[in-house]
Amino acid sequence: MEKKKISTKEYLQFFIVMTVILGSLATFVYYRTQERKKDVKEIFDDYSLTKGIITKVSFYKGKNIRVRYKVDGKNIDGGNDIKELMGKNVGDSLWIKYSNKNPEKFITELSVKYR
């Protein structure tokens, strides 16, 4: 069976498709990062501290924990990316800083941006 030679046009089409895919991915990551920076700024502008409970630990595509905490009698569940577990496990308590404007926005003591 004879191999088909790839034409310049096909190389160009492949290059354009890959550029669009990678550009889209880079744009998505950039805007997600900017959004998270705004959330962290909002938290530090006006925050309160509370204790929460780790409900789940995940190592799929990075380290992530799920936590539950209570604000004004309302239970709030959410996730937070972390660098290290620092000896914490499911069921352990941890400190949480949350935005007074929007309590669903929070960071845990395990987050790099907590301090």
PDB file of N, CA and C in Angstrom:
ATOM      1  N   MET A   1       0.842  -1.170   0.000  1.00  0.00           N
ATOM      2  CA  MET A   1       0.000   0.000   0.000  1.00  0.00           C
ATOM      3  C   MET A   1       0.889   1.235   0.000  1.00  0.00           C
ATOM      4  N   GLU A   2       0.576   2.155  -0.842  1.00  0.00           N
ATOM      5  CA  GLU A   2       1.374   3.366  -1.009  1.00  0.00           C
ATOM      6  C   GLU A   2       0.906   4.439  -0.034  1.00  0.00           C
ATOM      7  N   LYS A   3       1.876   5.101   0.602  1.00  0.00           N
ATOM      8  CA  LYS A   3       1.547   6.179   1.533  1.00  0.00           C
ATOM      9  C   LYS A   3       1.206   7.440   0.749  1.00  0.00           C
ATOM     10  N   LYS A   4       0.163   8.118   1.235  1.00  0.00           N
ATOM     11  CA  LYS A   4      -0.237   9.371   0.600  1.00  0.00           C
ATOM     12  C   LYS A   4       0.610  10.500   1.178  1.00  0.00           C
ATOM     13  N   LYS A   5       1.138  11.303   0.314  1.00  0.00           N
ATOM     14  CA  LYS A   5       1.940  12.438   0.751  1.00  0.00           C
ATOM     15  C   LYS A   5       0.997  13.559   1.220  1.00  0.00           C
ATOM     16  N   ILE A   6       1.327  14.147   2.361  1.00  0.00           N
ATOM     17  CA  ILE A   6       0.504  15.227   2.905  1.00  0.00           C
ATOM     18  C   ILE A   6       0.868  16.524   2.192  1.00  0.00           C
ATOM     19  N   SER A   7      -0.145  17.200   1.717  1.00  0.00           N
ATOM     20  CA  SER A   7       0.081  18.430   0.954  1.00  0.00           C
ATOM     21  C   SER A   7       0.290  19.623   1.879  1.00  0.00           C
ATOM     22  N   THR A   8       0.817  20.672   1.298  1.00  0.00           N
ATOM     23  CA  THR A   8       1.026  21.917   2.037  1.00  0.00           C
ATOM     24  C   THR A   8      -0.304  22.460   2.545  1.00  0.00           C
ATOM     25  N   LYS A   9      -1.333  22.341   1.747  1.00  0.00           N
ATOM     26  CA  LYS A   9      -2.666  22.812   2.134  1.00  0.00           C
ATOM     27  C   LYS A   9      -3.149  22.058   3.379  1.00  0.00           C
ATOM     28  N   GLU A  10      -2.922  20.754   3.428  1.00  0.00           N
ATOM     29  CA  GLU A  10      -3.343  19.956   4.579  1.00  0.00           C
ATOM     30  C   GLU A  10      -2.541  20.336   5.832  1.00  0.00           C
ATOM     31  N   TYR A  11      -1.245  20.589   5.674  1.00  0.00           N
ATOM     32  CA  TYR A  11      -0.442  21.064   6.798  1.00  0.00           C
ATOM     33  C   TYR A  11      -0.984  22.395   7.315  1.00  0.00           C
ATOM     34  N   LEU A  12      -1.304  23.293   6.410  1.00  0.00           N
ATOM     35  CA  LEU A  12      -1.824  24.602   6.772  1.00  0.00           C
ATOM     36  C   LEU A  12      -3.168  24.476   7.498  1.00  0.00           C
ATOM     37  N   GLN A  13      -4.056  23.614   7.001  1.00  0.00           N
ATOM     38  CA  GLN A  13      -5.348  23.402   7.650  1.00  0.00           C
ATOM     39  C   GLN A  13      -5.153  22.855   9.069  1.00  0.00           C
ATOM     40  N   PHE A  14      -4.259  21.892   9.204  1.00  0.00           N
ATOM     41  CA  PHE A  14      -3.972  21.323  10.521  1.00  0.00           C
ATOM     42  C   PHE A  14      -3.439  22.399  11.465  1.00  0.00           C
ATOM     43  N   PHE A  15      -2.508  23.217  10.978  1.00  0.00           N
ATOM     44  CA  PHE A  15      -1.932  24.294  11.781  1.00  0.00           C
ATOM     45  C   PHE A  15      -3.004  25.274  12.231  1.00  0.00           C
ATOM     46  N   ILE A  16      -3.903  25.649  11.346  1.00  0.00           N
ATOM     47  CA  ILE A  16      -4.969  26.596  11.691  1.00  0.00           C
ATOM     48  C   ILE A  16      -5.911  26.003  12.735  1.00  0.00           C
ATOM     49  N   VAL A  17      -6.296  24.754  12.540  1.00  0.00           N
ATOM     50  CA  VAL A  17      -7.190  24.095  13.501  1.00  0.00           C
ATOM     51  C   VAL A  17      -6.526  24.018  14.880  1.00  0.00           C
ATOM     52  N   MET A  18      -5.278  23.610  14.934  1.00  0.00           N
ATOM     53  CA  MET A  18      -4.570  23.515  16.211  1.00  0.00           C
ATOM     54  C   MET A  18      -4.410  24.888  16.865  1.00  0.00           C
ATOM     55  N   THR A  19      -4.140  25.920  16.056  1.00  0.00           N
ATOM     56  CA  THR A  19      -4.017  27.266  16.593  1.00  0.00           C
ATOM     57  C   THR A  19      -5.327  27.729  17.217  1.00  0.00           C
ATOM     58  N   VAL A  20      -6.437  27.456  16.565  1.00  0.00           N
ATOM     59  CA  VAL A  20      -7.750  27.837  17.095  1.00  0.00           C
ATOM     60  C   VAL A  20      -8.044  27.080  18.391  1.00  0.00           C
ATOM     61  N   ILE A  21      -7.764  25.791  18.417  1.00  0.00           N
ATOM     62  CA  ILE A  21      -8.019  24.986  19.621  1.00  0.00           C
ATOM     63  C   ILE A  21      -7.156  25.476  20.786  1.00  0.00           C
ATOM     64  N   LEU A  22      -5.864  25.630  20.566  1.00  0.00           N
ATOM     65  CA  LEU A  22      -4.967  26.072  21.633  1.00  0.00           C
ATOM     66  C   LEU A  22      -5.267  27.505  22.065  1.00  0.00           C
ATOM     67  N   GLY A  23      -5.598  28.359  21.113  1.00  0.00           N
ATOM     68  CA  GLY A  23      -5.967  29.736  21.447  1.00  0.00           C
ATOM     69  C   GLY A  23      -7.227  29.792  22.292  1.00  0.00           C
ATOM     70  N   SER A  24      -8.199  28.964  21.951  1.00  0.00           N
ATOM     71  CA  SER A  24      -9.447  28.903  22.731  1.00  0.00           C
ATOM     72  C   SER A  24      -9.172  28.417  24.147  1.00  0.00           C
ATOM     73  N   LEU A  25      -8.360  27.401  24.273  1.00  0.00           N
ATOM     74  CA  LEU A  25      -8.012  26.873  25.584  1.00  0.00           C
ATOM     75  C   LEU A  25      -7.269  27.922  26.416  1.00  0.00           C
ATOM     76  N   ALA A  26      -6.317  28.591  25.811  1.00  0.00           N
ATOM     77  CA  ALA A  26      -5.555  29.625  26.521  1.00  0.00           C
ATOM     78  C   ALA A  26      -6.467  30.770  26.963  1.00  0.00           C
ATOM     79  N   THR A  27      -7.401  31.168  26.118  1.00  0.00           N
ATOM     80  CA  THR A  27      -8.350  32.226  26.455  1.00  0.00           C
ATOM     81  C   THR A  27      -9.234  31.806  27.619  1.00  0.00           C
ATOM     82  N   PHE A  28      -9.718  30.561  27.576  1.00  0.00           N
ATOM     83  CA  PHE A  28     -10.557  30.046  28.660  1.00  0.00           C
ATOM     84  C   PHE A  28      -9.796  30.063  29.987  1.00  0.00           C
ATOM     85  N   VAL A  29      -8.566  29.567  29.996  1.00  0.00           N
ATOM     86  CA  VAL A  29      -7.760  29.521  31.217  1.00  0.00           C
ATOM     87  C   VAL A  29      -7.497  30.937  31.728  1.00  0.00           C
ATOM     88  N   TYR A  30      -7.188  31.859  30.823  1.00  0.00           N
ATOM     89  CA  TYR A  30      -6.925  33.244  31.211  1.00  0.00           C
ATOM     90  C   TYR A  30      -8.139  33.859  31.902  1.00  0.00           C
ATOM     91  N   TYR A  31      -9.309  33.729  31.298  1.00  0.00           N
ATOM     92  CA  TYR A  31     -10.508  34.343  31.877  1.00  0.00           C
ATOM     93  C   TYR A  31     -10.926  33.664  33.175  1.00  0.00           C
ATOM     94  N   ARG A  32     -10.730  32.352  33.302  1.00  0.00           N
ATOM     95  CA  ARG A  32     -11.024  31.664  34.576  1.00  0.00           C
ATOM     96  C   ARG A  32     -10.084  32.168  35.672  1.00  0.00           C
ATOM     97  N   THR A  33      -8.821  32.370  35.330  1.00  0.00           N
ATOM     98  CA  THR A  33      -7.851  32.872  36.299  1.00  0.00           C
ATOM     99  C   THR A  33      -8.220  34.285  36.740  1.00  0.00           C
ATOM    100  N   GLN A  34      -8.599  35.132  35.785  1.00  0.00           N
ATOM    101  CA  GLN A  34      -8.998  36.499  36.115  1.00  0.00           C
ATOM    102  C   GLN A  34     -10.244  36.510  37.002  1.00  0.00           C
ATOM    103  N   GLU A  35     -11.179  35.623  36.697  1.00  0.00           N
ATOM    104  CA  GLU A  35     -12.406  35.526  37.491  1.00  0.00           C
ATOM    105  C   GLU A  35     -12.084  35.120  38.932  1.00  0.00           C
ATOM    106  N   ARG A  36     -11.192  34.157  39.087  1.00  0.00           N
ATOM    107  CA  ARG A  36     -10.816  33.709  40.437  1.00  0.00           C
ATOM    108  C   ARG A  36     -10.086  34.808  41.185  1.00  0.00           C
ATOM    109  N   LYS A  37      -9.245  35.585  40.500  1.00  0.00           N
ATOM    110  CA  LYS A  37      -8.552  36.704  41.147  1.00  0.00           C
ATOM    111  C   LYS A  37      -9.554  37.723  41.671  1.00  0.00           C
ATOM    112  N   LYS A  38     -10.608  38.000  40.880  1.00  0.00           N
ATOM    113  CA  LYS A  38     -11.651  38.927  41.326  1.00  0.00           C
ATOM    114  C   LYS A  38     -12.375  38.390  42.555  1.00  0.00           C
ATOM    115  N   ASP A  39     -12.654  37.083  42.547  1.00  0.00           N
ATOM    116  CA  ASP A  39     -13.323  36.460  43.694  1.00  0.00           C
ATOM    117  C   ASP A  39     -12.467  36.578  44.957  1.00  0.00           C
ATOM    118  N   VAL A  40     -11.175  36.297  44.839  1.00  0.00           N
ATOM    119  CA  VAL A  40     -10.270  36.373  45.994  1.00  0.00           C
ATOM    120  C   VAL A  40     -10.172  37.808  46.491  1.00  0.00           C
ATOM    121  N   LYS A  41     -10.119  38.774  45.581  1.00  0.00           N
ATOM    122  CA  LYS A  41     -10.082  40.174  45.982  1.00  0.00           C
ATOM    123  C   LYS A  41     -11.356  40.553  46.732  1.00  0.00           C
ATOM    124  N   GLU A  42     -12.502  40.101  46.222  1.00  0.00           N
ATOM    125  CA  GLU A  42     -13.777  40.375  46.895  1.00  0.00           C
ATOM    126  C   GLU A  42     -13.788  39.783  48.302  1.00  0.00           C
ATOM    127  N   ILE A  43     -13.243  38.590  48.446  1.00  0.00           N
ATOM    128  CA  ILE A  43     -13.188  37.952  49.761  1.00  0.00           C
ATOM    129  C   ILE A  43     -12.330  38.779  50.709  1.00  0.00           C
ATOM    130  N   PHE A  44     -11.133  39.189  50.283  1.00  0.00           N
ATOM    131  CA  PHE A  44     -10.231  39.924  51.164  1.00  0.00           C
ATOM    132  C   PHE A  44     -10.684  41.359  51.421  1.00  0.00           C
ATOM    133  N   ASP A  45     -11.514  41.926  50.546  1.00  0.00           N
ATOM    134  CA  ASP A  45     -12.026  43.279  50.779  1.00  0.00           C
ATOM    135  C   ASP A  45     -12.967  43.319  51.982  1.00  0.00           C
ATOM    136  N   ASP A  46     -13.761  42.259  52.176  1.00  0.00           N
ATOM    137  CA  ASP A  46     -14.717  42.223  53.281  1.00  0.00           C
ATOM    138  C   ASP A  46     -15.048  40.762  53.577  1.00  0.00           C
ATOM    139  N   TYR A  47     -14.349  40.177  54.558  1.00  0.00           N
ATOM    140  CA  TYR A  47     -14.549  38.753  54.826  1.00  0.00           C
ATOM    141  C   TYR A  47     -14.851  38.488  56.294  1.00  0.00           C
ATOM    142  N   SER A  48     -15.373  37.308  56.530  1.00  0.00           N
ATOM    143  CA  SER A  48     -15.551  36.781  57.875  1.00  0.00           C
ATOM    144  C   SER A  48     -14.912  35.400  57.917  1.00  0.00           C
ATOM    145  N   LEU A  49     -14.587  34.961  59.121  1.00  0.00           N
ATOM    146  CA  LEU A  49     -13.999  33.631  59.331  1.00  0.00           C
ATOM    147  C   LEU A  49     -15.037  32.713  59.948  1.00  0.00           C
ATOM    148  N   THR A  50     -14.993  31.461  59.564  1.00  0.00           N
ATOM    149  CA  THR A  50     -15.826  30.437  60.170  1.00  0.00           C
ATOM    150  C   THR A  50     -15.110  29.103  60.072  1.00  0.00           C
ATOM    151  N   LYS A  51     -15.610  28.137  60.784  1.00  0.00           N
ATOM    152  CA  LYS A  51     -15.079  26.780  60.695  1.00  0.00           C
ATOM    153  C   LYS A  51     -15.952  25.980  59.746  1.00  0.00           C
ATOM    154  N   GLY A  52     -15.329  25.124  58.949  1.00  0.00           N
ATOM    155  CA  GLY A  52     -16.043  24.252  58.040  1.00  0.00           C
ATOM    156  C   GLY A  52     -15.563  22.826  58.193  1.00  0.00           C
ATOM    157  N   ILE A  53     -16.232  21.917  57.516  1.00  0.00           N
ATOM    158  CA  ILE A  53     -15.896  20.495  57.561  1.00  0.00           C
ATOM    159  C   ILE A  53     -15.532  20.027  56.156  1.00  0.00           C
ATOM    160  N   ILE A  54     -14.456  19.268  56.029  1.00  0.00           N
ATOM    161  CA  ILE A  54     -14.093  18.663  54.745  1.00  0.00           C
ATOM    162  C   ILE A  54     -15.047  17.506  54.484  1.00  0.00           C
ATOM    163  N   THR A  55     -15.748  17.541  53.351  1.00  0.00           N
ATOM    164  CA  THR A  55     -16.699  16.477  53.017  1.00  0.00           C
ATOM    165  C   THR A  55     -16.178  15.533  51.942  1.00  0.00           C
ATOM    166  N   LYS A  56     -15.180  15.974  51.173  1.00  0.00           N
ATOM    167  CA  LYS A  56     -14.633  15.120  50.112  1.00  0.00           C
ATOM    168  C   LYS A  56     -13.248  15.626  49.729  1.00  0.00           C
ATOM    169  N   VAL A  57     -12.368  14.694  49.408  1.00  0.00           N
ATOM    170  CA  VAL A  57     -11.030  15.023  48.906  1.00  0.00           C
ATOM    171  C   VAL A  57     -10.879  14.336  47.556  1.00  0.00           C
ATOM    172  N   SER A  58     -10.406  15.084  46.559  1.00  0.00           N
ATOM    173  CA  SER A  58     -10.249  14.539  45.216  1.00  0.00           C
ATOM    174  C   SER A  58      -8.872  14.891  44.673  1.00  0.00           C
ATOM    175  N   PHE A  59      -8.249  13.928  44.020  1.00  0.00           N
ATOM    176  CA  PHE A  59      -6.948  14.164  43.393  1.00  0.00           C
ATOM    177  C   PHE A  59      -7.040  14.066  41.879  1.00  0.00           C
ATOM    178  N   TYR A  60      -8.264  14.061  41.353  1.00  0.00           N
ATOM    179  CA  TYR A  60      -8.472  13.975  39.910  1.00  0.00           C
ATOM    180  C   TYR A  60      -8.252  15.347  39.291  1.00  0.00           C
ATOM    181  N   LYS A  61      -7.319  15.468  38.359  1.00  0.00           N
ATOM    182  CA  LYS A  61      -6.973  16.733  37.699  1.00  0.00           C
ATOM    183  C   LYS A  61      -6.596  17.805  38.719  1.00  0.00           C
ATOM    184  N   GLY A  62      -5.728  17.458  39.639  1.00  0.00           N
ATOM    185  CA  GLY A  62      -5.286  18.400  40.658  1.00  0.00           C
ATOM    186  C   GLY A  62      -5.869  18.027  42.011  1.00  0.00           C
ATOM    187  N   LYS A  63      -5.526  18.793  43.024  1.00  0.00           N
ATOM    188  CA  LYS A  63      -6.023  18.528  44.373  1.00  0.00           C
ATOM    189  C   LYS A  63      -7.189  19.464  44.656  1.00  0.00           C
ATOM    190  N   ASN A  64      -8.294  18.875  45.083  1.00  0.00           N
ATOM    191  CA  ASN A  64      -9.499  19.645  45.342  1.00  0.00           C
ATOM    192  C   ASN A  64     -10.198  19.066  46.559  1.00  0.00           C
ATOM    193  N   ILE A  65     -10.770  19.947  47.367  1.00  0.00           N
ATOM    194  CA  ILE A  65     -11.581  19.481  48.488  1.00  0.00           C
ATOM    195  C   ILE A  65     -12.977  20.083  48.379  1.00  0.00           C
ATOM    196  N   ARG A  66     -13.935  19.367  48.910  1.00  0.00           N
ATOM    197  CA  ARG A  66     -15.301  19.873  49.065  1.00  0.00           C
ATOM    198  C   ARG A  66     -15.480  20.134  50.556  1.00  0.00           C
ATOM    199  N   VAL A  67     -16.102  21.253  50.870  1.00  0.00           N
ATOM    200  CA  VAL A  67     -16.324  21.625  52.269  1.00  0.00           C
ATOM    201  C   VAL A  67     -17.775  22.043  52.479  1.00  0.00           C
ATOM    202  N   ARG A  68     -18.183  22.002  53.740  1.00  0.00           N
ATOM    203  CA  ARG A  68     -19.509  22.491  54.142  1.00  0.00           C
ATOM    204  C   ARG A  68     -19.297  23.410  55.334  1.00  0.00           C
ATOM    205  N   TYR A  69     -19.938  24.571  55.283  1.00  0.00           N
ATOM    206  CA  TYR A  69     -19.869  25.511  56.389  1.00  0.00           C
ATOM    207  C   TYR A  69     -21.212  26.223  56.509  1.00  0.00           C
ATOM    208  N   LYS A  70     -21.417  26.876  57.634  1.00  0.00           N
ATOM    209  CA  LYS A  70     -22.701  27.503  57.911  1.00  0.00           C
ATOM    210  C   LYS A  70     -22.518  29.011  58.058  1.00  0.00           C
ATOM    211  N   VAL A  71     -23.384  29.772  57.363  1.00  0.00           N
ATOM    212  CA  VAL A  71     -23.394  31.228  57.470  1.00  0.00           C
ATOM    213  C   VAL A  71     -24.839  31.652  57.688  1.00  0.00           C
ATOM    214  N   ASP A  72     -25.092  32.356  58.782  1.00  0.00           N
ATOM    215  CA  ASP A  72     -26.439  32.832  59.120  1.00  0.00           C
ATOM    216  C   ASP A  72     -27.473  31.707  59.074  1.00  0.00           C
ATOM    217  N   GLY A  73     -27.131  30.552  59.600  1.00  0.00           N
ATOM    218  CA  GLY A  73     -28.051  29.423  59.663  1.00  0.00           C
ATOM    219  C   GLY A  73     -28.210  28.651  58.363  1.00  0.00           C
ATOM    220  N   LYS A  74     -27.520  29.071  57.302  1.00  0.00           N
ATOM    221  CA  LYS A  74     -27.623  28.404  56.000  1.00  0.00           C
ATOM    222  C   LYS A  74     -26.363  27.580  55.744  1.00  0.00           C
ATOM    223  N   ASN A  75     -26.550  26.285  55.407  1.00  0.00           N
ATOM    224  CA  ASN A  75     -25.411  25.437  55.051  1.00  0.00           C
ATOM    225  C   ASN A  75     -24.965  25.752  53.634  1.00  0.00           C
ATOM    226  N   ILE A  76     -23.671  25.907  53.460  1.00  0.00           N
ATOM    227  CA  ILE A  76     -23.094  26.187  52.144  1.00  0.00           C
ATOM    228  C   ILE A  76     -22.081  25.090  51.835  1.00  0.00           C
ATOM    229  N   ASP A  77     -22.220  24.503  50.654  1.00  0.00           N
ATOM    230  CA  ASP A  77     -21.281  23.492  50.167  1.00  0.00           C
ATOM    231  C   ASP A  77     -20.506  24.081  49.004  1.00  0.00           C
ATOM    232  N   GLY A  78     -19.221  23.785  48.924  1.00  0.00           N
ATOM    233  CA  GLY A  78     -18.430  24.272  47.808  1.00  0.00           C
ATOM    234  C   GLY A  78     -17.104  23.562  47.708  1.00  0.00           C
ATOM    235  N   GLY A  79     -16.406  23.830  46.618  1.00  0.00           N
ATOM    236  CA  GLY A  79     -15.104  23.230  46.371  1.00  0.00           C
ATOM    237  C   GLY A  79     -14.013  24.269  46.365  1.00  0.00           C
ATOM    238  N   ASN A  80     -12.797  23.826  46.638  1.00  0.00           N
ATOM    239  CA  ASN A  80     -11.645  24.717  46.681  1.00  0.00           C
ATOM    240  C   ASN A  80     -10.410  23.944  46.248  1.00  0.00           C
ATOM    241  N   ASP A  81      -9.627  24.517  45.334  1.00  0.00           N
ATOM    242  CA  ASP A  81      -8.352  23.912  44.940  1.00  0.00           C
ATOM    243  C   ASP A  81      -7.353  24.137  46.061  1.00  0.00           C
ATOM    244  N   ILE A  82      -6.520  23.138  46.285  1.00  0.00           N
ATOM    245  CA  ILE A  82      -5.536  23.236  47.352  1.00  0.00           C
ATOM    246  C   ILE A  82      -4.174  22.800  46.841  1.00  0.00           C
ATOM    247  N   LYS A  83      -3.140  23.175  47.585  1.00  0.00           N
ATOM    248  CA  LYS A  83      -1.786  22.740  47.240  1.00  0.00           C
ATOM    249  C   LYS A  83      -1.441  21.465  48.002  1.00  0.00           C
ATOM    250  N   GLU A  84      -1.739  21.447  49.300  1.00  0.00           N
ATOM    251  CA  GLU A  84      -1.447  20.285  50.142  1.00  0.00           C
ATOM    252  C   GLU A  84      -2.589  20.066  51.122  1.00  0.00           C
ATOM    253  N   LEU A  85      -2.768  18.835  51.558  1.00  0.00           N
ATOM    254  CA  LEU A  85      -3.790  18.524  52.567  1.00  0.00           C
ATOM    255  C   LEU A  85      -3.335  18.895  53.974  1.00  0.00           C
ATOM    256  N   MET A  86      -2.042  18.991  54.182  1.00  0.00           N
ATOM    257  CA  MET A  86      -1.461  19.362  55.475  1.00  0.00           C
ATOM    258  C   MET A  86      -2.041  18.524  56.621  1.00  0.00           C
ATOM    259  N   GLY A  87      -2.159  17.219  56.380  1.00  0.00           N
ATOM    260  CA  GLY A  87      -2.614  16.307  57.420  1.00  0.00           C
ATOM    261  C   GLY A  87      -4.118  16.263  57.617  1.00  0.00           C
ATOM    262  N   LYS A  88      -4.866  16.983  56.809  1.00  0.00           N
ATOM    263  CA  LYS A  88      -6.328  17.010  56.941  1.00  0.00           C
ATOM    264  C   LYS A  88      -6.949  15.868  56.142  1.00  0.00           C
ATOM    265  N   ASN A  89      -8.081  15.373  56.623  1.00  0.00           N
ATOM    266  CA  ASN A  89      -8.821  14.296  55.968  1.00  0.00           C
ATOM    267  C   ASN A  89     -10.309  14.620  55.978  1.00  0.00           C
ATOM    268  N   VAL A  90     -11.084  13.805  55.297  1.00  0.00           N
ATOM    269  CA  VAL A  90     -12.533  13.965  55.298  1.00  0.00           C
ATOM    270  C   VAL A  90     -13.036  13.910  56.737  1.00  0.00           C
ATOM    271  N   GLY A  91     -13.896  14.866  57.089  1.00  0.00           N
ATOM    272  CA  GLY A  91     -14.443  14.944  58.443  1.00  0.00           C
ATOM    273  C   GLY A  91     -13.705  15.914  59.342  1.00  0.00           C
ATOM    274  N   ASP A  92     -12.496  16.330  58.942  1.00  0.00           N
ATOM    275  CA  ASP A  92     -11.735  17.289  59.743  1.00  0.00           C
ATOM    276  C   ASP A  92     -12.284  18.697  59.534  1.00  0.00           C
ATOM    277  N   SER A  93     -12.104  19.535  60.550  1.00  0.00           N
ATOM    278  CA  SER A  93     -12.527  20.928  60.432  1.00  0.00           C
ATOM    279  C   SER A  93     -11.363  21.779  59.936  1.00  0.00           C
ATOM    280  N   LEU A  94     -11.709  22.921  59.356  1.00  0.00           N
ATOM    281  CA  LEU A  94     -10.697  23.848  58.872  1.00  0.00           C
ATOM    282  C   LEU A  94     -11.291  25.249  58.826  1.00  0.00           C
ATOM    283  N   TRP A  95     -10.413  26.239  58.828  1.00  0.00           N
ATOM    284  CA  TRP A  95     -10.852  27.632  58.771  1.00  0.00           C
ATOM    285  C   TRP A  95     -11.205  28.018  57.339  1.00  0.00           C
ATOM    286  N   ILE A  96     -12.237  28.832  57.227  1.00  0.00           N
ATOM    287  CA  ILE A  96     -12.713  29.315  55.932  1.00  0.00           C
ATOM    288  C   ILE A  96     -12.899  30.820  56.011  1.00  0.00           C
ATOM    289  N   LYS A  97     -12.367  31.526  55.016  1.00  0.00           N
ATOM    290  CA  LYS A  97     -12.654  32.951  54.839  1.00  0.00           C
ATOM    291  C   LYS A  97     -13.689  33.044  53.736  1.00  0.00           C
ATOM    292  N   TYR A  98     -14.809  33.734  54.013  1.00  0.00           N
ATOM    293  CA  TYR A  98     -15.845  33.883  53.000  1.00  0.00           C
ATOM    294  C   TYR A  98     -16.215  35.346  52.850  1.00  0.00           C
ATOM    295  N   SER A  99     -16.704  35.682  51.680  1.00  0.00           N
ATOM    296  CA  SER A  99     -17.099  37.049  51.376  1.00  0.00           C
ATOM    297  C   SER A  99     -18.394  37.380  52.111  1.00  0.00           C
ATOM    298  N   ASN A 100     -18.429  38.525  52.785  1.00  0.00           N
ATOM    299  CA  ASN A 100     -19.663  38.953  53.444  1.00  0.00           C
ATOM    300  C   ASN A 100     -20.739  39.334  52.428  1.00  0.00           C
ATOM    301  N   LYS A 101     -20.323  39.785  51.250  1.00  0.00           N
ATOM    302  CA  LYS A 101     -21.287  40.132  50.193  1.00  0.00           C
ATOM    303  C   LYS A 101     -21.912  38.888  49.581  1.00  0.00           C
ATOM    304  N   ASN A 102     -21.100  37.869  49.376  1.00  0.00           N
ATOM    305  CA  ASN A 102     -21.553  36.636  48.734  1.00  0.00           C
ATOM    306  C   ASN A 102     -20.882  35.457  49.444  1.00  0.00           C
ATOM    307  N   PRO A 103     -21.530  34.907  50.477  1.00  0.00           N
ATOM    308  CA  PRO A 103     -20.901  33.850  51.273  1.00  0.00           C
ATOM    309  C   PRO A 103     -20.526  32.579  50.501  1.00  0.00           C
ATOM    310  N   GLU A 104     -21.047  32.403  49.281  1.00  0.00           N
ATOM    311  CA  GLU A 104     -20.670  31.237  48.480  1.00  0.00           C
ATOM    312  C   GLU A 104     -19.246  31.352  47.938  1.00  0.00           C
ATOM    313  N   LYS A 105     -18.676  32.549  47.978  1.00  0.00           N
ATOM    314  CA  LYS A 105     -17.287  32.753  47.560  1.00  0.00           C
ATOM    315  C   LYS A 105     -16.408  32.626  48.788  1.00  0.00           C
ATOM    316  N   PHE A 106     -15.479  31.680  48.751  1.00  0.00           N
ATOM    317  CA  PHE A 106     -14.668  31.401  49.930  1.00  0.00           C
ATOM    318  C   PHE A 106     -13.310  30.836  49.538  1.00  0.00           C
ATOM    319  N   ILE A 107     -12.400  30.854  50.507  1.00  0.00           N
ATOM    320  CA  ILE A 107     -11.130  30.139  50.402  1.00  0.00           C
ATOM    321  C   ILE A 107     -10.891  29.458  51.748  1.00  0.00           C
ATOM    322  N   THR A 108     -10.215  28.323  51.704  1.00  0.00           N
ATOM    323  CA  THR A 108      -9.943  27.588  52.938  1.00  0.00           C
ATOM    324  C   THR A 108      -8.509  27.826  53.381  1.00  0.00           C
ATOM    325  N   GLU A 109      -8.226  27.422  54.600  1.00  0.00           N
ATOM    326  CA  GLU A 109      -6.867  27.568  55.124  1.00  0.00           C
ATOM    327  C   GLU A 109      -5.854  26.756  54.341  1.00  0.00           C
ATOM    328  N   LEU A 110      -6.311  25.793  53.533  1.00  0.00           N
ATOM    329  CA  LEU A 110      -5.407  24.970  52.735  1.00  0.00           C
ATOM    330  C   LEU A 110      -5.061  25.623  51.394  1.00  0.00           C
ATOM    331  N   SER A 111      -5.743  26.709  51.060  1.00  0.00           N
ATOM    332  CA  SER A 111      -5.498  27.419  49.803  1.00  0.00           C
ATOM    333  C   SER A 111      -4.221  28.244  49.901  1.00  0.00           C
ATOM    334  N   VAL A 112      -3.502  28.328  48.811  1.00  0.00           N
ATOM    335  CA  VAL A 112      -2.280  29.132  48.768  1.00  0.00           C
ATOM    336  C   VAL A 112      -2.601  30.600  49.033  1.00  0.00           C
ATOM    337  N   LYS A 113      -3.771  31.066  48.606  1.00  0.00           N
ATOM    338  CA  LYS A 113      -4.135  32.474  48.722  1.00  0.00           C
ATOM    339  C   LYS A 113      -4.766  32.834  50.068  1.00  0.00           C
ATOM    340  N   TYR A 114      -4.862  31.903  50.994  1.00  0.00           N
ATOM    341  CA  TYR A 114      -5.548  32.130  52.259  1.00  0.00           C
ATOM    342  C   TYR A 114      -4.896  33.224  53.094  1.00  0.00           C
ATOM    343  N   ARG A 115      -3.585  33.247  53.157  1.00  0.00           N
ATOM    344  CA  ARG A 115      -2.883  34.174  54.041  1.00  0.00           C
ATOM    345  C   ARG A 115      -2.816  35.546  53.529  1.00  0.00           C
TER     346      ARG A 115
END
